[in-house]
Amino acid sequence: MKQMTVKEVEALINEGKKLNIIDVREVDEVATGKIPSAINIPLGLVEFRMHELDKTIEYIIVCRSGARSGRATQFLEDYGFNVINMTGGMLAWEGKVE
């Protein structure tokens, strides 16, 4: 499984890179703040919404601590998606939130 630290993700955002971020936390968790431009697909819905994703695009998967995003990353990887787990999750995130 490919992984990236919160600092690496934040650096890419600060460089102006267009990232495709999927936040797999629950809706109420995301309401407390998410990485700008991240889309919310709660972990329990990933299987049912993966048809919305494009296998040619790289996605960075985010959750609260890195555990759920790790499960989502592994699941999507098994289906041929190009995904990276953001280690540390939002607990370690120091960048902007919306």
Protein backbone atom coordinates (compact mmCIF):
# COMPACT_ATOMS: atom_id res chain seq x y z
CA MET A 1 0.00 0.00 0.00
CA LYS A 2 1.31 3.41 -0.95
CA GLN A 3 1.42 5.94 1.86
CA MET A 4 2.07 9.65 2.24
CA THR A 5 2.51 11.74 5.38
CA VAL A 6 0.34 14.73 6.24
CA LYS A 7 3.38 16.96 5.71
CA GLU A 8 3.88 15.59 2.18
CA VAL A 9 0.21 16.16 1.32
CA GLU A 10 0.28 19.67 2.78
CA ALA A 11 3.45 20.48 0.81
CA LEU A 12 1.80 19.38 -2.45
CA ILE A 13 -1.25 21.54 -1.70
CA ASN A 14 1.00 24.52 -0.87
CA GLU A 15 2.78 24.01 -4.21
CA GLY A 16 -0.59 24.41 -5.91
CA LYS A 17 -0.92 20.78 -6.99
CA LYS A 18 -4.47 19.62 -7.76
CA LEU A 19 -5.02 16.64 -5.48
CA ASN A 20 -7.97 14.26 -5.44
CA ILE A 21 -8.63 13.68 -1.76
CA ILE A 22 -11.29 11.36 -0.39
CA ASP A 23 -12.17 11.74 3.29
CA VAL A 24 -13.65 8.46 4.58
CA ARG A 25 -14.74 9.83 7.97
CA GLU A 26 -18.40 9.97 8.92
CA VAL A 27 -20.42 13.06 7.95
CA ASP A 28 -20.47 14.44 11.51
CA GLU A 29 -16.66 14.12 11.74
CA VAL A 30 -16.17 15.95 8.45
CA ALA A 31 -18.44 18.74 9.69
CA THR A 32 -15.72 19.64 12.22
CA GLY A 33 -13.36 20.44 9.33
CA LYS A 34 -11.87 18.80 6.27
CA ILE A 35 -9.02 19.42 3.88
CA PRO A 36 -10.21 21.95 1.26
CA SER A 37 -11.49 20.22 -1.91
CA ALA A 38 -11.70 16.79 -0.23
CA ILE A 39 -14.82 14.83 -1.04
CA ASN A 40 -16.53 12.86 1.71
CA ILE A 41 -17.30 9.21 1.14
CA PRO A 42 -17.75 7.53 4.54
CA LEU A 43 -15.89 4.22 4.80
CA GLY A 44 -19.13 2.22 4.95
CA LEU A 45 -20.20 3.69 1.59
CA VAL A 46 -16.91 3.31 -0.33
CA GLU A 47 -17.98 -0.05 -1.80
CA PHE A 48 -21.27 1.41 -3.03
CA ARG A 49 -19.80 4.66 -4.40
CA MET A 50 -16.58 3.42 -6.00
CA HIS A 51 -18.37 3.54 -9.38
CA GLU A 52 -18.09 7.36 -9.02
CA LEU A 53 -14.28 7.12 -9.02
CA ASP A 54 -11.93 7.01 -12.01
CA LYS A 55 -9.23 4.32 -12.07
CA THR A 56 -6.96 6.60 -14.12
CA ILE A 57 -6.85 9.23 -11.36
CA GLU A 58 -4.70 9.09 -8.22
CA TYR A 59 -6.62 9.52 -4.97
CA ILE A 60 -5.32 10.33 -1.50
CA ILE A 61 -7.44 8.68 1.19
CA VAL A 62 -7.88 10.48 4.54
CA CYS A 63 -9.57 9.69 7.86
CA ARG A 64 -9.20 10.71 11.49
CA SER A 65 -6.05 8.76 12.39
CA GLY A 66 -5.07 6.70 9.34
CA ALA A 67 -6.70 3.37 10.22
CA ARG A 68 -9.97 3.67 8.27
CA SER A 69 -8.18 5.30 5.35
CA GLY A 70 -5.78 2.35 5.36
CA ARG A 71 -8.71 -0.06 5.07
CA ALA A 72 -10.29 2.04 2.30
CA THR A 73 -6.95 2.28 0.47
CA GLN A 74 -6.47 -1.50 0.60
CA PHE A 75 -10.07 -2.12 -0.54
CA LEU A 76 -9.85 0.30 -3.48
CA GLU A 77 -6.38 -0.96 -4.41
CA ASP A 78 -7.82 -4.49 -4.62
CA TYR A 79 -10.27 -3.15 -7.23
CA GLY A 80 -7.52 -1.57 -9.32
CA PHE A 81 -7.69 2.03 -8.10
CA ASN A 82 -4.58 4.22 -7.79
CA VAL A 83 -4.80 5.19 -4.12
CA ILE A 84 -2.48 6.50 -1.39
CA ASN A 85 -3.16 6.37 2.36
CA MET A 86 -2.44 9.61 4.23
CA THR A 87 -0.80 8.43 7.45
CA GLY A 88 -1.62 10.22 10.69
CA GLY A 89 -4.99 11.39 9.42
CA MET A 90 -6.71 14.58 10.43
CA LEU A 91 -5.35 14.25 13.98
CA ALA A 92 -1.91 15.08 12.55
CA TRP A 93 -3.15 17.60 9.95
CA GLU A 94 -1.91 21.15 10.56
CA GLY A 95 -2.89 22.64 7.22
CA LYS A 96 -5.99 24.57 6.22
CA VAL A 97 -9.44 23.13 6.83
CA GLU A 98 -12.87 24.13 5.60
